[in-house]
Structures are given as structure tokens and as C-alpha cells.
Amino acid sequence: MKQGSAVVHTLTHSLGLYFYAAAAVAYKRVGLEANDEVYAQIAEEICLDYTDALKDIAVNDEANPAKLKWHC
């Protein structure tokens, strides 16, 4: 997971954290031979978990919020 957390340094790579986590959990749980629906369900679960965790540490009413320009 070091690579997954390291990708946040570049805006367009920041979703890599979600993708690496979802892939790692899915492959550990069900291996490489599951169908697409199983992987999609696990990915949705992991993305929701990560989003909740990020919301828990987010600063409400940030005085100087980041101004991101997503060029994906």
C-alpha cells in the first residue's frame, strides 16, 4: 500500500489510493477468478469506507481550502 498512498502527490493520481485499495482487498478476498460484479461490489465497499474515513478527518469550514484543477 505504500504506492497507493504515495500517488496522492499528483492530483490526477489521487484516485489511485482508492483503486489500489479496492484491488488489494478484492484479490485477497476472492482471488483473480471472480466475475466483474464481485469486484465492482468490493470496490464500491472500499471506496465508501475510504470516503467515510477521509470525511472523518476533513476540516469543516476550512479557512484556506485547496483549489484543485482536475484535468483527468
Protein backbone atom coordinates (compact mmCIF):
# COMPACT_ATOMS: atom_id res chain seq x y z
CA MET A 1 0.00 0.00 0.00
CA LYS A 2 2.97 2.36 0.05
CA GLN A 3 2.48 3.06 -3.66
CA GLY A 4 -1.24 3.57 -3.14
CA SER A 5 -0.69 6.26 -0.53
CA ALA A 6 2.20 7.83 -2.43
CA VAL A 7 0.12 8.66 -5.51
CA VAL A 8 -1.73 11.48 -3.72
CA HIS A 9 1.14 13.87 -4.52
CA THR A 10 -0.27 14.34 -8.04
CA LEU A 11 -3.90 15.42 -8.45
CA THR A 12 -4.64 13.16 -11.37
CA HIS A 13 -3.12 10.22 -9.50
CA SER A 14 -5.03 10.74 -6.27
CA LEU A 15 -7.76 8.24 -7.18
CA GLY A 16 -5.02 5.62 -7.21
CA LEU A 17 -5.40 5.34 -3.44
CA TYR A 18 -8.94 4.05 -3.94
CA PHE A 19 -8.05 1.82 -6.88
CA TYR A 20 -5.04 0.19 -5.21
CA ALA A 21 -7.00 -0.44 -2.02
CA ALA A 22 -10.01 -1.89 -3.82
CA ALA A 23 -7.82 -4.16 -5.95
CA ALA A 24 -5.75 -5.36 -2.99
CA VAL A 25 -8.81 -6.18 -0.88
CA ALA A 26 -10.65 -7.83 -3.77
CA TYR A 27 -7.74 -10.04 -4.77
CA LYS A 28 -7.13 -11.04 -1.15
CA ARG A 29 -10.81 -11.89 -0.61
CA VAL A 30 -11.73 -13.58 -3.88
CA GLY A 31 -8.54 -14.04 -5.88
CA LEU A 32 -8.20 -13.47 -9.60
CA GLU A 33 -11.03 -15.59 -10.99
CA ALA A 34 -14.17 -13.80 -9.68
CA ASN A 35 -16.65 -12.13 -12.01
CA ASP A 36 -16.88 -8.39 -12.64
CA GLU A 37 -19.90 -7.92 -10.35
CA VAL A 38 -17.97 -9.28 -7.36
CA TYR A 39 -15.04 -6.94 -7.99
CA ALA A 40 -17.40 -3.99 -8.51
CA GLN A 41 -19.19 -4.69 -5.22
CA ILE A 42 -15.92 -4.88 -3.30
CA ALA A 43 -14.64 -1.71 -5.00
CA GLU A 44 -17.81 0.16 -4.04
CA GLU A 45 -17.48 -1.00 -0.42
CA ILE A 46 -13.83 0.03 -0.20
CA CYS A 47 -14.45 3.40 -1.86
CA LEU A 48 -17.27 4.14 0.59
CA ASP A 49 -15.05 3.12 3.53
CA TYR A 50 -12.22 5.36 2.31
CA THR A 51 -14.59 8.26 1.67
CA ASP A 52 -16.02 7.95 5.18
CA ALA A 53 -12.50 7.84 6.65
CA LEU A 54 -11.48 10.94 4.71
CA LYS A 55 -14.63 12.77 5.78
CA ASP A 56 -13.83 11.91 9.42
CA ILE A 57 -10.51 13.76 9.19
CA ALA A 58 -11.63 16.59 6.91
CA VAL A 59 -11.55 20.11 8.29
CA ASN A 60 -15.01 21.66 8.22
CA ASP A 61 -15.19 25.26 7.05
CA GLU A 62 -11.52 25.30 6.12
CA ALA A 63 -10.32 28.89 6.03
CA ASN A 64 -7.93 28.21 3.15
CA PRO A 65 -9.39 25.31 1.18
CA ALA A 66 -7.39 23.72 -1.59
CA LYS A 67 -8.27 24.93 -5.06
CA LEU A 68 -7.91 21.85 -7.23
CA LYS A 69 -8.00 21.82 -11.01
CA TRP A 70 -8.86 18.31 -12.13
CA HIS A 71 -7.62 17.62 -15.63
CA CYS A 72 -8.41 13.95 -15.92
